[in-house]
């Protein structure tokens, strides 16, 4: 979990480019997390999406 949105976004972008999978930054309370698109179930707030193929 991250408390700084900038760090969460940079980690999501790097993970997306490294693994070549779509990643998302989600908000949980006042913290942020990075998940892959296949783990997304629709119950959380998506802040940013990163698709390495777009």
C-alpha atoms as a PDB file:
ATOM      1  CA  UNK A   1       0.000   0.000   0.000  1.00  0.00           C
ATOM      2  CA  UNK A   2       1.152   3.489  -0.803  1.00  0.00           C
ATOM      3  CA  UNK A   3       0.224   6.779   0.818  1.00  0.00           C
ATOM      4  CA  UNK A   4       1.634   8.875  -2.032  1.00  0.00           C
ATOM      5  CA  UNK A   5      -0.303   8.754  -5.323  1.00  0.00           C
ATOM      6  CA  UNK A   6       2.769   9.684  -7.371  1.00  0.00           C
ATOM      7  CA  UNK A   7       4.747   6.685  -6.113  1.00  0.00           C
ATOM      8  CA  UNK A   8       1.780   4.375  -6.714  1.00  0.00           C
ATOM      9  CA  UNK A   9       1.400   5.635 -10.297  1.00  0.00           C
ATOM     10  CA  UNK A  10       5.120   5.211 -11.053  1.00  0.00           C
ATOM     11  CA  UNK A  11       5.095   1.670  -9.670  1.00  0.00           C
ATOM     12  CA  UNK A  12       1.988   0.750 -11.663  1.00  0.00           C
ATOM     13  CA  UNK A  13       3.487   2.108 -14.885  1.00  0.00           C
ATOM     14  CA  UNK A  14       6.781   0.278 -14.316  1.00  0.00           C
ATOM     15  CA  UNK A  15       5.034  -2.975 -13.476  1.00  0.00           C
ATOM     16  CA  UNK A  16       2.835  -2.697 -16.544  1.00  0.00           C
ATOM     17  CA  UNK A  17       5.810  -2.173 -18.870  1.00  0.00           C
ATOM     18  CA  UNK A  18       7.919  -4.880 -17.231  1.00  0.00           C
ATOM     19  CA  UNK A  19       5.297  -7.631 -17.123  1.00  0.00           C
ATOM     20  CA  UNK A  20       3.418  -6.453 -20.249  1.00  0.00           C
ATOM     21  CA  UNK A  21       0.052  -6.653 -18.492  1.00  0.00           C
ATOM     22  CA  UNK A  22      -2.562  -4.034 -17.681  1.00  0.00           C
ATOM     23  CA  UNK A  23      -2.287  -2.598 -14.172  1.00  0.00           C
ATOM     24  CA  UNK A  24      -4.484  -0.304 -12.101  1.00  0.00           C
ATOM     25  CA  UNK A  25      -3.982   2.094  -9.229  1.00  0.00           C
ATOM     26  CA  UNK A  26      -6.861   1.718  -6.783  1.00  0.00           C
ATOM     27  CA  UNK A  27      -7.884   3.817  -3.819  1.00  0.00           C
ATOM     28  CA  UNK A  28      -8.651   2.240  -0.460  1.00  0.00           C
ATOM     29  CA  UNK A  29      -9.456   4.843   2.157  1.00  0.00           C
ATOM     30  CA  UNK A  30      -6.573   7.311   2.092  1.00  0.00           C
ATOM     31  CA  UNK A  31      -4.100   4.791   0.673  1.00  0.00           C
ATOM     32  CA  UNK A  32      -3.381   3.464  -2.803  1.00  0.00           C
ATOM     33  CA  UNK A  33      -2.507   0.033  -4.167  1.00  0.00           C
ATOM     34  CA  UNK A  34      -1.414  -1.409  -7.507  1.00  0.00           C
ATOM     35  CA  UNK A  35      -3.219  -4.458  -8.900  1.00  0.00           C
ATOM     36  CA  UNK A  36      -3.276  -6.264 -12.220  1.00  0.00           C
ATOM     37  CA  UNK A  37      -6.377  -6.048 -14.380  1.00  0.00           C
ATOM     38  CA  UNK A  38      -7.188  -9.742 -13.918  1.00  0.00           C
ATOM     39  CA  UNK A  39      -7.468  -9.190 -10.132  1.00  0.00           C
ATOM     40  CA  UNK A  40      -9.998  -6.364 -10.566  1.00  0.00           C
ATOM     41  CA  UNK A  41     -13.482  -7.342  -9.383  1.00  0.00           C
ATOM     42  CA  UNK A  42     -15.247  -3.978  -9.631  1.00  0.00           C
ATOM     43  CA  UNK A  43     -15.593  -3.326  -5.889  1.00  0.00           C
ATOM     44  CA  UNK A  44     -12.854  -0.693  -5.585  1.00  0.00           C
ATOM     45  CA  UNK A  45     -12.265   2.814  -6.911  1.00  0.00           C
ATOM     46  CA  UNK A  46      -9.901   2.841  -9.909  1.00  0.00           C
ATOM     47  CA  UNK A  47      -7.661   5.927  -9.997  1.00  0.00           C
ATOM     48  CA  UNK A  48      -5.537   5.137 -13.090  1.00  0.00           C
ATOM     49  CA  UNK A  49      -5.216   2.324 -15.624  1.00  0.00           C
ATOM     50  CA  UNK A  50      -2.018   1.465 -17.485  1.00  0.00           C
ATOM     51  CA  UNK A  51      -2.114  -0.701 -20.602  1.00  0.00           C
ATOM     52  CA  UNK A  52       1.279  -1.482 -22.151  1.00  0.00           C
ATOM     53  CA  UNK A  53      -0.343  -2.223 -25.527  1.00  0.00           C
ATOM     54  CA  UNK A  54      -2.217   1.081 -25.895  1.00  0.00           C
END
